[in-house]
Amino acid sequence: MGDDIQSKVLAFAFGLSAEIERNLISQRTKEALERKRKEGIVLGRPKGSSKPHQFKLFGQDNKIIKLLRTGLSLNKVARKLKVHRSTLSKYIKVKDLKLAV
């Protein structure tokens, strides 16, 4: 593309057509989602649909308990296990892990 007026007009036309296409895609998506809602289909991930065997920390209960009993913080244990500390905290609650020394 050059600095002449024809190049600028062409670039503007391409930009405008891209914006129109984005708007059309967005409109079609919104219409489809609304139609699904009206049909009674629940959208998104169902609450509580995670199964224990799908948890990232599944099968590491003994390791978690051992690390926490050595005095490591939740943050450090989570880093060692390569998960977020909230993931570790939720896993401990869900599995009702006994952490007493």
PDB file of N, CA and C in Angstrom:
ATOM      1  N   MET A   1       0.839  -1.178   0.000  1.00  0.00           N
ATOM      2  CA  MET A   1       0.000   0.000   0.000  1.00  0.00           C
ATOM      3  C   MET A   1       0.882   1.239   0.000  1.00  0.00           C
ATOM      4  N   GLY A   2       0.505   2.112  -0.845  1.00  0.00           N
ATOM      5  CA  GLY A   2       1.268   3.349  -0.962  1.00  0.00           C
ATOM      6  C   GLY A   2       0.640   4.478  -0.176  1.00  0.00           C
ATOM      7  N   ASP A   3       1.163   5.668  -0.407  1.00  0.00           N
ATOM      8  CA  ASP A   3       0.674   6.866   0.268  1.00  0.00           C
ATOM      9  C   ASP A   3      -0.368   7.607  -0.563  1.00  0.00           C
ATOM     10  N   ASP A   4      -0.699   7.087  -1.734  1.00  0.00           N
ATOM     11  CA  ASP A   4      -1.649   7.789  -2.598  1.00  0.00           C
ATOM     12  C   ASP A   4      -3.090   7.569  -2.127  1.00  0.00           C
ATOM     13  N   ILE A   5      -3.995   8.329  -2.667  1.00  0.00           N
ATOM     14  CA  ILE A   5      -5.399   8.327  -2.263  1.00  0.00           C
ATOM     15  C   ILE A   5      -6.075   7.001  -2.574  1.00  0.00           C
ATOM     16  N   GLN A   6      -5.694   6.362  -3.671  1.00  0.00           N
ATOM     17  CA  GLN A   6      -6.314   5.086  -4.033  1.00  0.00           C
ATOM     18  C   GLN A   6      -6.004   4.008  -2.990  1.00  0.00           C
ATOM     19  N   SER A   7      -4.791   3.990  -2.501  1.00  0.00           N
ATOM     20  CA  SER A   7      -4.407   3.021  -1.476  1.00  0.00           C
ATOM     21  C   SER A   7      -5.184   3.266  -0.189  1.00  0.00           C
ATOM     22  N   LYS A   8      -5.359   4.530   0.166  1.00  0.00           N
ATOM     23  CA  LYS A   8      -6.102   4.879   1.378  1.00  0.00           C
ATOM     24  C   LYS A   8      -7.574   4.477   1.256  1.00  0.00           C
ATOM     25  N   VAL A   9      -8.153   4.690   0.089  1.00  0.00           N
ATOM     26  CA  VAL A   9      -9.548   4.301  -0.142  1.00  0.00           C
ATOM     27  C   VAL A   9      -9.688   2.785  -0.065  1.00  0.00           C
ATOM     28  N   LEU A  10      -8.743   2.079  -0.658  1.00  0.00           N
ATOM     29  CA  LEU A  10      -8.769   0.619  -0.642  1.00  0.00           C
ATOM     30  C   LEU A  10      -8.631   0.089   0.797  1.00  0.00           C
ATOM     31  N   ALA A  11      -7.699   0.669   1.557  1.00  0.00           N
ATOM     32  CA  ALA A  11      -7.506   0.258   2.946  1.00  0.00           C
ATOM     33  C   ALA A  11      -8.777   0.539   3.755  1.00  0.00           C
ATOM     34  N   PHE A  12      -9.408   1.683   3.530  1.00  0.00           N
ATOM     35  CA  PHE A  12     -10.644   2.020   4.230  1.00  0.00           C
ATOM     36  C   PHE A  12     -11.749   1.022   3.883  1.00  0.00           C
ATOM     37  N   ALA A  13     -11.839   0.662   2.606  1.00  0.00           N
ATOM     38  CA  ALA A  13     -12.872  -0.284   2.164  1.00  0.00           C
ATOM     39  C   ALA A  13     -12.667  -1.654   2.807  1.00  0.00           C
ATOM     40  N   PHE A  14     -11.414  -2.113   2.864  1.00  0.00           N
ATOM     41  CA  PHE A  14     -11.127  -3.397   3.518  1.00  0.00           C
ATOM     42  C   PHE A  14     -11.473  -3.349   5.000  1.00  0.00           C
ATOM     43  N   GLY A  15     -11.102  -2.266   5.642  1.00  0.00           N
ATOM     44  CA  GLY A  15     -11.406  -2.100   7.068  1.00  0.00           C
ATOM     45  C   GLY A  15     -12.899  -2.085   7.329  1.00  0.00           C
ATOM     46  N   LEU A  16     -13.632  -1.381   6.477  1.00  0.00           N
ATOM     47  CA  LEU A  16     -15.084  -1.298   6.618  1.00  0.00           C
ATOM     48  C   LEU A  16     -15.736  -2.658   6.403  1.00  0.00           C
ATOM     49  N   SER A  17     -15.280  -3.387   5.404  1.00  0.00           N
ATOM     50  CA  SER A  17     -15.873  -4.710   5.152  1.00  0.00           C
ATOM     51  C   SER A  17     -15.556  -5.671   6.301  1.00  0.00           C
ATOM     52  N   ALA A  18     -14.373  -5.558   6.893  1.00  0.00           N
ATOM     53  CA  ALA A  18     -14.021  -6.408   8.041  1.00  0.00           C
ATOM     54  C   ALA A  18     -14.905  -6.081   9.232  1.00  0.00           C
ATOM     55  N   GLU A  19     -15.152  -4.813   9.474  1.00  0.00           N
ATOM     56  CA  GLU A  19     -16.017  -4.403  10.589  1.00  0.00           C
ATOM     57  C   GLU A  19     -17.449  -4.897  10.380  1.00  0.00           C
ATOM     58  N   ILE A  20     -17.944  -4.790   9.158  1.00  0.00           N
ATOM     59  CA  ILE A  20     -19.294  -5.267   8.844  1.00  0.00           C
ATOM     60  C   ILE A  20     -19.382  -6.770   9.079  1.00  0.00           C
ATOM     61  N   GLU A  21     -18.375  -7.517   8.650  1.00  0.00           N
ATOM     62  CA  GLU A  21     -18.359  -8.966   8.846  1.00  0.00           C
ATOM     63  C   GLU A  21     -18.351  -9.320  10.326  1.00  0.00           C
ATOM     64  N   ARG A  22     -17.546  -8.601  11.135  1.00  0.00           N
ATOM     65  CA  ARG A  22     -17.518  -8.836  12.588  1.00  0.00           C
ATOM     66  C   ARG A  22     -18.895  -8.606  13.200  1.00  0.00           C
ATOM     67  N   ASN A  23     -19.547  -7.540  12.776  1.00  0.00           N
ATOM     68  CA  ASN A  23     -20.883  -7.237  13.296  1.00  0.00           C
ATOM     69  C   ASN A  23     -21.892  -8.316  12.914  1.00  0.00           C
ATOM     70  N   LEU A  24     -21.806  -8.816  11.683  1.00  0.00           N
ATOM     71  CA  LEU A  24     -22.722  -9.865  11.234  1.00  0.00           C
ATOM     72  C   LEU A  24     -22.516 -11.161  12.026  1.00  0.00           C
ATOM     73  N   ILE A  25     -21.252 -11.510  12.265  1.00  0.00           N
ATOM     74  CA  ILE A  25     -20.946 -12.712  13.047  1.00  0.00           C
ATOM     75  C   ILE A  25     -21.488 -12.569  14.464  1.00  0.00           C
ATOM     76  N   SER A  26     -21.259 -11.407  15.056  1.00  0.00           N
ATOM     77  CA  SER A  26     -21.752 -11.153  16.418  1.00  0.00           C
ATOM     78  C   SER A  26     -23.274 -11.246  16.474  1.00  0.00           C
ATOM     79  N   GLN A  27     -23.937 -10.665  15.497  1.00  0.00           N
ATOM     80  CA  GLN A  27     -25.403 -10.690  15.450  1.00  0.00           C
ATOM     81  C   GLN A  27     -25.923 -12.119  15.302  1.00  0.00           C
ATOM     82  N   ARG A  28     -25.310 -12.903  14.417  1.00  0.00           N
ATOM     83  CA  ARG A  28     -25.738 -14.299  14.235  1.00  0.00           C
ATOM     84  C   ARG A  28     -25.532 -15.106  15.515  1.00  0.00           C
ATOM     85  N   THR A  29     -24.415 -14.880  16.195  1.00  0.00           N
ATOM     86  CA  THR A  29     -24.133 -15.598  17.436  1.00  0.00           C
ATOM     87  C   THR A  29     -25.162 -15.255  18.504  1.00  0.00           C
ATOM     88  N   LYS A  30     -25.445 -13.982  18.664  1.00  0.00           N
ATOM     89  CA  LYS A  30     -26.429 -13.549  19.669  1.00  0.00           C
ATOM     90  C   LYS A  30     -27.814 -14.120  19.359  1.00  0.00           C
ATOM     91  N   GLU A  31     -28.195 -14.129  18.096  1.00  0.00           N
ATOM     92  CA  GLU A  31     -29.500 -14.677  17.710  1.00  0.00           C
ATOM     93  C   GLU A  31     -29.572 -16.176  18.006  1.00  0.00           C
ATOM     94  N   ALA A  32     -28.497 -16.890  17.708  1.00  0.00           N
ATOM     95  CA  ALA A  32     -28.476 -18.336  17.961  1.00  0.00           C
ATOM     96  C   ALA A  32     -28.563 -18.630  19.454  1.00  0.00           C
ATOM     97  N   LEU A  33     -27.841 -17.865  20.265  1.00  0.00           N
ATOM     98  CA  LEU A  33     -27.890 -18.064  21.719  1.00  0.00           C
ATOM     99  C   LEU A  33     -29.282 -17.757  22.271  1.00  0.00           C
ATOM    100  N   GLU A  34     -29.891 -16.706  21.767  1.00  0.00           N
ATOM    101  CA  GLU A  34     -31.244 -16.352  22.216  1.00  0.00           C
ATOM    102  C   GLU A  34     -32.243 -17.445  21.830  1.00  0.00           C
ATOM    103  N   ARG A  35     -32.089 -17.986  20.633  1.00  0.00           N
ATOM    104  CA  ARG A  35     -32.971 -19.063  20.182  1.00  0.00           C
ATOM    105  C   ARG A  35     -32.815 -20.285  21.093  1.00  0.00           C
ATOM    106  N   LYS A  36     -31.584 -20.620  21.442  1.00  0.00           N
ATOM    107  CA  LYS A  36     -31.330 -21.765  22.330  1.00  0.00           C
ATOM    108  C   LYS A  36     -31.962 -21.529  23.700  1.00  0.00           C
ATOM    109  N   ARG A  37     -31.852 -20.305  24.217  1.00  0.00           N
ATOM    110  CA  ARG A  37     -32.463 -19.986  25.516  1.00  0.00           C
ATOM    111  C   ARG A  37     -33.981 -20.153  25.460  1.00  0.00           C
ATOM    112  N   LYS A  38     -34.586 -19.691  24.370  1.00  0.00           N
ATOM    113  CA  LYS A  38     -36.035 -19.810  24.222  1.00  0.00           C
ATOM    114  C   LYS A  38     -36.478 -21.262  24.114  1.00  0.00           C
ATOM    115  N   GLU A  39     -35.584 -22.126  23.587  1.00  0.00           N
ATOM    116  CA  GLU A  39     -35.886 -23.553  23.502  1.00  0.00           C
ATOM    117  C   GLU A  39     -35.716 -24.242  24.852  1.00  0.00           C
ATOM    118  N   GLY A  40     -35.220 -23.490  25.833  1.00  0.00           N
ATOM    119  CA  GLY A  40     -35.057 -24.046  27.171  1.00  0.00           C
ATOM    120  C   GLY A  40     -33.726 -24.727  27.410  1.00  0.00           C
ATOM    121  N   ILE A  41     -32.803 -24.546  26.517  1.00  0.00           N
ATOM    122  CA  ILE A  41     -31.485 -25.162  26.673  1.00  0.00           C
ATOM    123  C   ILE A  41     -30.630 -24.273  27.576  1.00  0.00           C
ATOM    124  N   VAL A  42     -30.065 -24.880  28.624  1.00  0.00           N
ATOM    125  CA  VAL A  42     -29.209 -24.139  29.540  1.00  0.00           C
ATOM    126  C   VAL A  42     -27.833 -24.025  28.905  1.00  0.00           C
ATOM    127  N   LEU A  43     -27.345 -22.787  28.818  1.00  0.00           N
ATOM    128  CA  LEU A  43     -26.058 -22.534  28.179  1.00  0.00           C
ATOM    129  C   LEU A  43     -24.944 -22.510  29.219  1.00  0.00           C
ATOM    130  N   GLY A  44     -23.763 -22.845  28.793  1.00  0.00           N
ATOM    131  CA  GLY A  44     -22.594 -22.783  29.665  1.00  0.00           C
ATOM    132  C   GLY A  44     -22.325 -24.095  30.368  1.00  0.00           C
ATOM    133  N   ARG A  45     -21.292 -24.070  31.167  1.00  0.00           N
ATOM    134  CA  ARG A  45     -20.885 -25.253  31.917  1.00  0.00           C
ATOM    135  C   ARG A  45     -21.814 -25.427  33.101  1.00  0.00           C
ATOM    136  N   PRO A  46     -22.381 -26.617  33.262  1.00  0.00           N
ATOM    137  CA  PRO A  46     -23.283 -26.836  34.393  1.00  0.00           C
ATOM    138  C   PRO A  46     -22.554 -26.707  35.724  1.00  0.00           C
ATOM    139  N   LYS A  47     -23.210 -26.117  36.710  1.00  0.00           N
ATOM    140  CA  LYS A  47     -22.615 -25.964  38.034  1.00  0.00           C
ATOM    141  C   LYS A  47     -22.435 -27.334  38.661  1.00  0.00           C
ATOM    142  N   GLY A  48     -21.296 -27.510  39.295  1.00  0.00           N
ATOM    143  CA  GLY A  48     -21.037 -28.753  40.007  1.00  0.00           C
ATOM    144  C   GLY A  48     -20.855 -29.951  39.107  1.00  0.00           C
ATOM    145  N   SER A  49     -20.480 -29.713  37.852  1.00  0.00           N
ATOM    146  CA  SER A  49     -20.371 -30.831  36.929  1.00  0.00           C
ATOM    147  C   SER A  49     -19.013 -31.530  36.988  1.00  0.00           C
ATOM    148  N   SER A  50     -18.097 -30.958  37.758  1.00  0.00           N
ATOM    149  CA  SER A  50     -16.774 -31.582  37.850  1.00  0.00           C
ATOM    150  C   SER A  50     -16.858 -32.863  38.648  1.00  0.00           C
ATOM    151  N   LYS A  51     -16.209 -33.861  38.168  1.00  0.00           N
ATOM    152  CA  LYS A  51     -16.170 -35.144  38.852  1.00  0.00           C
ATOM    153  C   LYS A  51     -14.809 -35.279  39.512  1.00  0.00           C
ATOM    154  N   PRO A  52     -14.746 -35.884  40.705  1.00  0.00           N
ATOM    155  CA  PRO A  52     -13.470 -35.963  41.426  1.00  0.00           C
ATOM    156  C   PRO A  52     -12.324 -36.526  40.597  1.00  0.00           C
ATOM    157  N   HIS A  53     -12.587 -37.508  39.745  1.00  0.00           N
ATOM    158  CA  HIS A  53     -11.494 -38.088  38.959  1.00  0.00           C
ATOM    159  C   HIS A  53     -11.010 -37.146  37.855  1.00  0.00           C
ATOM    160  N   GLN A  54     -11.719 -36.031  37.651  1.00  0.00           N
ATOM    161  CA  GLN A  54     -11.288 -35.060  36.649  1.00  0.00           C
ATOM    162  C   GLN A  54     -10.487 -33.919  37.267  1.00  0.00           C
ATOM    163  N   PHE A  55     -10.436 -33.872  38.610  1.00  0.00           N
ATOM    164  CA  PHE A  55      -9.691 -32.811  39.265  1.00  0.00           C
ATOM    165  C   PHE A  55      -8.210 -32.933  38.921  1.00  0.00           C
ATOM    166  N   LYS A  56      -7.568 -31.807  38.779  1.00  0.00           N
ATOM    167  CA  LYS A  56      -6.152 -31.789  38.448  1.00  0.00           C
ATOM    168  C   LYS A  56      -5.318 -32.431  39.563  1.00  0.00           C
ATOM    169  N   LEU A  57      -5.807 -32.351  40.799  1.00  0.00           N
ATOM    170  CA  LEU A  57      -5.066 -32.876  41.939  1.00  0.00           C
ATOM    171  C   LEU A  57      -5.488 -34.281  42.341  1.00  0.00           C
ATOM    172  N   PHE A  58      -6.323 -34.916  41.540  1.00  0.00           N
ATOM    173  CA  PHE A  58      -6.842 -36.238  41.878  1.00  0.00           C
ATOM    174  C   PHE A  58      -5.699 -37.226  42.119  1.00  0.00           C
ATOM    175  N   GLY A  59      -5.804 -37.947  43.225  1.00  0.00           N
ATOM    176  CA  GLY A  59      -4.816 -38.971  43.540  1.00  0.00           C
ATOM    177  C   GLY A  59      -3.570 -38.464  44.237  1.00  0.00           C
ATOM    178  N   GLN A  60      -3.530 -37.178  44.567  1.00  0.00           N
ATOM    179  CA  GLN A  60      -2.354 -36.611  45.222  1.00  0.00           C
ATOM    180  C   GLN A  60      -2.628 -36.244  46.674  1.00  0.00           C
ATOM    181  N   ASP A  61      -3.669 -36.847  47.259  1.00  0.00           N
ATOM    182  CA  ASP A  61      -4.067 -36.504  48.621  1.00  0.00           C
ATOM    183  C   ASP A  61      -2.911 -36.661  49.609  1.00  0.00           C
ATOM    184  N   ASN A  62      -2.251 -37.811  49.579  1.00  0.00           N
ATOM    185  CA  ASN A  62      -1.163 -38.071  50.536  1.00  0.00           C
ATOM    186  C   ASN A  62      -0.033 -37.063  50.365  1.00  0.00           C
ATOM    187  N   LYS A  63       0.284 -36.738  49.131  1.00  0.00           N
ATOM    188  CA  LYS A  63       1.354 -35.780  48.850  1.00  0.00           C
ATOM    189  C   LYS A  63       0.988 -34.401  49.405  1.00  0.00           C
ATOM    190  N   ILE A  64      -0.274 -33.996  49.216  1.00  0.00           N
ATOM    191  CA  ILE A  64      -0.734 -32.698  49.702  1.00  0.00           C
ATOM    192  C   ILE A  64      -0.639 -32.647  51.224  1.00  0.00           C
ATOM    193  N   ILE A  65      -1.153 -33.680  51.871  1.00  0.00           N
ATOM    194  CA  ILE A  65      -1.126 -33.728  53.335  1.00  0.00           C
ATOM    195  C   ILE A  65       0.315 -33.692  53.838  1.00  0.00           C
ATOM    196  N   LYS A  66       1.179 -34.466  53.223  1.00  0.00           N
ATOM    197  CA  LYS A  66       2.585 -34.529  53.629  1.00  0.00           C
ATOM    198  C   LYS A  66       3.247 -33.149  53.501  1.00  0.00           C
ATOM    199  N   LEU A  67       3.017 -32.474  52.368  1.00  0.00           N
ATOM    200  CA  LEU A  67       3.622 -31.156  52.149  1.00  0.00           C
ATOM    201  C   LEU A  67       3.103 -30.131  53.146  1.00  0.00           C
ATOM    202  N   LEU A  68       1.812 -30.162  53.420  1.00  0.00           N
ATOM    203  CA  LEU A  68       1.241 -29.197  54.359  1.00  0.00           C
ATOM    204  C   LEU A  68       1.708 -29.472  55.789  1.00  0.00           C
ATOM    205  N   ARG A  69       1.890 -30.732  56.128  1.00  0.00           N
ATOM    206  CA  ARG A  69       2.361 -31.070  57.482  1.00  0.00           C
ATOM    207  C   ARG A  69       3.812 -30.668  57.708  1.00  0.00           C
ATOM    208  N   THR A  70       4.578 -30.512  56.628  1.00  0.00           N
ATOM    209  CA  THR A  70       5.966 -30.066  56.786  1.00  0.00           C
ATOM    210  C   THR A  70       6.041 -28.574  57.078  1.00  0.00           C
ATOM    211  N   GLY A  71       4.900 -27.907  57.034  1.00  0.00           N
ATOM    212  CA  GLY A  71       4.866 -26.488  57.367  1.00  0.00           C
ATOM    213  C   GLY A  71       4.828 -25.560  56.172  1.00  0.00           C
ATOM    214  N   LEU A  72       4.761 -26.111  54.983  1.00  0.00           N
ATOM    215  CA  LEU A  72       4.673 -25.262  53.794  1.00  0.00           C
ATOM    216  C   LEU A  72       3.313 -24.578  53.733  1.00  0.00           C
ATOM    217  N   SER A  73       3.295 -23.369  53.217  1.00  0.00           N
ATOM    218  CA  SER A  73       2.030 -22.651  53.067  1.00  0.00           C
ATOM    219  C   SER A  73       1.246 -23.219  51.888  1.00  0.00           C
ATOM    220  N   LEU A  74      -0.041 -22.894  51.847  1.00  0.00           N
ATOM    221  CA  LEU A  74      -0.874 -23.316  50.719  1.00  0.00           C
ATOM    222  C   LEU A  74      -0.288 -22.819  49.404  1.00  0.00           C
ATOM    223  N   ASN A  75       0.209 -21.590  49.444  1.00  0.00           N
ATOM    224  CA  ASN A  75       0.806 -21.001  48.241  1.00  0.00           C
ATOM    225  C   ASN A  75       1.971 -21.829  47.729  1.00  0.00           C
ATOM    226  N   LYS A  76       2.874 -22.213  48.632  1.00  0.00           N
ATOM    227  CA  LYS A  76       4.059 -22.966  48.220  1.00  0.00           C
ATOM    228  C   LYS A  76       3.698 -24.378  47.762  1.00  0.00           C
ATOM    229  N   VAL A  77       2.755 -24.992  48.451  1.00  0.00           N
ATOM    230  CA  VAL A  77       2.312 -26.330  48.051  1.00  0.00           C
ATOM    231  C   VAL A  77       1.677 -26.261  46.668  1.00  0.00           C
ATOM    232  N   ALA A  78       0.835 -25.252  46.456  1.00  0.00           N
ATOM    233  CA  ALA A  78       0.172 -25.091  45.161  1.00  0.00           C
ATOM    234  C   ALA A  78       1.201 -24.898  44.050  1.00  0.00           C
ATOM    235  N   ARG A  79       2.235 -24.097  44.323  1.00  0.00           N
ATOM    236  CA  ARG A  79       3.282 -23.895  43.320  1.00  0.00           C
ATOM    237  C   ARG A  79       4.004 -25.203  42.997  1.00  0.00           C
ATOM    238  N   LYS A  80       4.294 -25.992  44.044  1.00  0.00           N
ATOM    239  CA  LYS A  80       4.970 -27.281  43.823  1.00  0.00           C
ATOM    240  C   LYS A  80       4.118 -28.208  42.951  1.00  0.00           C
ATOM    241  N   LEU A  81       2.789 -28.142  43.153  1.00  0.00           N
ATOM    242  CA  LEU A  81       1.883 -29.013  42.416  1.00  0.00           C
ATOM    243  C   LEU A  81       1.431 -28.397  41.088  1.00  0.00           C
ATOM    244  N   LYS A  82       1.924 -27.193  40.820  1.00  0.00           N
ATOM    245  CA  LYS A  82       1.630 -26.470  39.572  1.00  0.00           C
ATOM    246  C   LYS A  82       0.136 -26.204  39.375  1.00  0.00           C
ATOM    247  N   VAL A  83      -0.505 -25.735  40.473  1.00  0.00           N
ATOM    248  CA  VAL A  83      -1.903 -25.311  40.407  1.00  0.00           C
ATOM    249  C   VAL A  83      -2.026 -23.989  41.149  1.00  0.00           C
ATOM    250  N   HIS A  84      -3.158 -23.322  40.970  1.00  0.00           N
ATOM    251  CA  HIS A  84      -3.421 -22.088  41.692  1.00  0.00           C
ATOM    252  C   HIS A  84      -3.789 -22.422  43.134  1.00  0.00           C
ATOM    253  N   ARG A  85      -3.477 -21.519  44.055  1.00  0.00           N
ATOM    254  CA  ARG A  85      -3.761 -21.812  45.464  1.00  0.00           C
ATOM    255  C   ARG A  85      -5.249 -21.993  45.731  1.00  0.00           C
ATOM    256  N   SER A  86      -6.105 -21.310  44.968  1.00  0.00           N
ATOM    257  CA  SER A  86      -7.549 -21.490  45.171  1.00  0.00           C
ATOM    258  C   SER A  86      -7.985 -22.884  44.715  1.00  0.00           C
ATOM    259  N   THR A  87      -7.324 -23.426  43.690  1.00  0.00           N
ATOM    260  CA  THR A  87      -7.613 -24.787  43.246  1.00  0.00           C
ATOM    261  C   THR A  87      -7.273 -25.768  44.352  1.00  0.00           C
ATOM    262  N   LEU A  88      -6.112 -25.577  44.977  1.00  0.00           N
ATOM    263  CA  LEU A  88      -5.697 -26.444  46.077  1.00  0.00           C
ATOM    264  C   LEU A  88      -6.656 -26.319  47.247  1.00  0.00           C
ATOM    265  N   SER A  89      -7.014 -25.097  47.585  1.00  0.00           N
ATOM    266  CA  SER A  89      -7.923 -24.857  48.709  1.00  0.00           C
ATOM    267  C   SER A  89      -9.284 -25.518  48.477  1.00  0.00           C
ATOM    268  N   LYS A  90      -9.825 -25.365  47.274  1.00  0.00           N
ATOM    269  CA  LYS A  90     -11.113 -25.979  46.943  1.00  0.00           C
ATOM    270  C   LYS A  90     -11.018 -27.497  46.987  1.00  0.00           C
ATOM    271  N   TYR A  91      -9.899 -28.043  46.507  1.00  0.00           N
ATOM    272  CA  TYR A  91      -9.710 -29.494  46.510  1.00  0.00           C
ATOM    273  C   TYR A  91      -9.683 -30.024  47.937  1.00  0.00           C
ATOM    274  N   ILE A  92      -8.989 -29.310  48.813  1.00  0.00           N
ATOM    275  CA  ILE A  92      -8.918 -29.725  50.219  1.00  0.00           C
ATOM    276  C   ILE A  92     -10.311 -29.722  50.843  1.00  0.00           C
ATOM    277  N   LYS A  93     -11.106 -28.696  50.526  1.00  0.00           N
ATOM    278  CA  LYS A  93     -12.476 -28.627  51.064  1.00  0.00           C
ATOM    279  C   LYS A  93     -13.354 -29.744  50.505  1.00  0.00           C
ATOM    280  N   VAL A  94     -13.313 -29.931  49.190  1.00  0.00           N
ATOM    281  CA  VAL A  94     -14.160 -30.927  48.536  1.00  0.00           C
ATOM    282  C   VAL A  94     -13.824 -32.325  49.020  1.00  0.00           C
ATOM    283  N   LYS A  95     -12.545 -32.618  49.134  1.00  0.00           N
ATOM    284  CA  LYS A  95     -12.102 -33.952  49.554  1.00  0.00           C
ATOM    285  C   LYS A  95     -12.106 -34.105  51.072  1.00  0.00           C
ATOM    286  N   ASP A  96     -12.342 -33.009  51.799  1.00  0.00           N
ATOM    287  CA  ASP A  96     -12.361 -33.000  53.264  1.00  0.00           C
ATOM    288  C   ASP A  96     -11.093 -33.668  53.818  1.00  0.00           C
ATOM    289  N   LEU A  97      -9.954 -33.178  53.315  1.00  0.00           N
ATOM    290  CA  LEU A  97      -8.673 -33.752  53.737  1.00  0.00           C
ATOM    291  C   LEU A  97      -8.380 -33.338  55.179  1.00  0.00           C
ATOM    292  N   LYS A  98      -8.005 -34.282  55.989  1.00  0.00           N
ATOM    293  CA  LYS A  98      -7.667 -34.023  57.389  1.00  0.00           C
ATOM    294  C   LYS A  98      -6.194 -33.638  57.449  1.00  0.00           C
ATOM    295  N   LEU A  99      -5.940 -32.401  57.864  1.00  0.00           N
ATOM    296  CA  LEU A  99      -4.579 -31.894  57.850  1.00  0.00           C
ATOM    297  C   LEU A  99      -3.991 -31.770  59.244  1.00  0.00           C
ATOM    298  N   ALA A 100      -4.669 -32.283  60.243  1.00  0.00           N
ATOM    299  CA  ALA A 100      -4.164 -32.176  61.609  1.00  0.00           C
ATOM    300  C   ALA A 100      -2.848 -32.925  61.734  1.00  0.00           C
ATOM    301  N   VAL A 101      -1.953 -32.355  62.505  1.00  0.00           N
ATOM    302  CA  VAL A 101      -0.604 -32.962  62.667  1.00  0.00           C
ATOM    303  C   VAL A 101      -0.655 -34.107  63.641  1.00  0.00           C
TER     304      VAL A 101
END
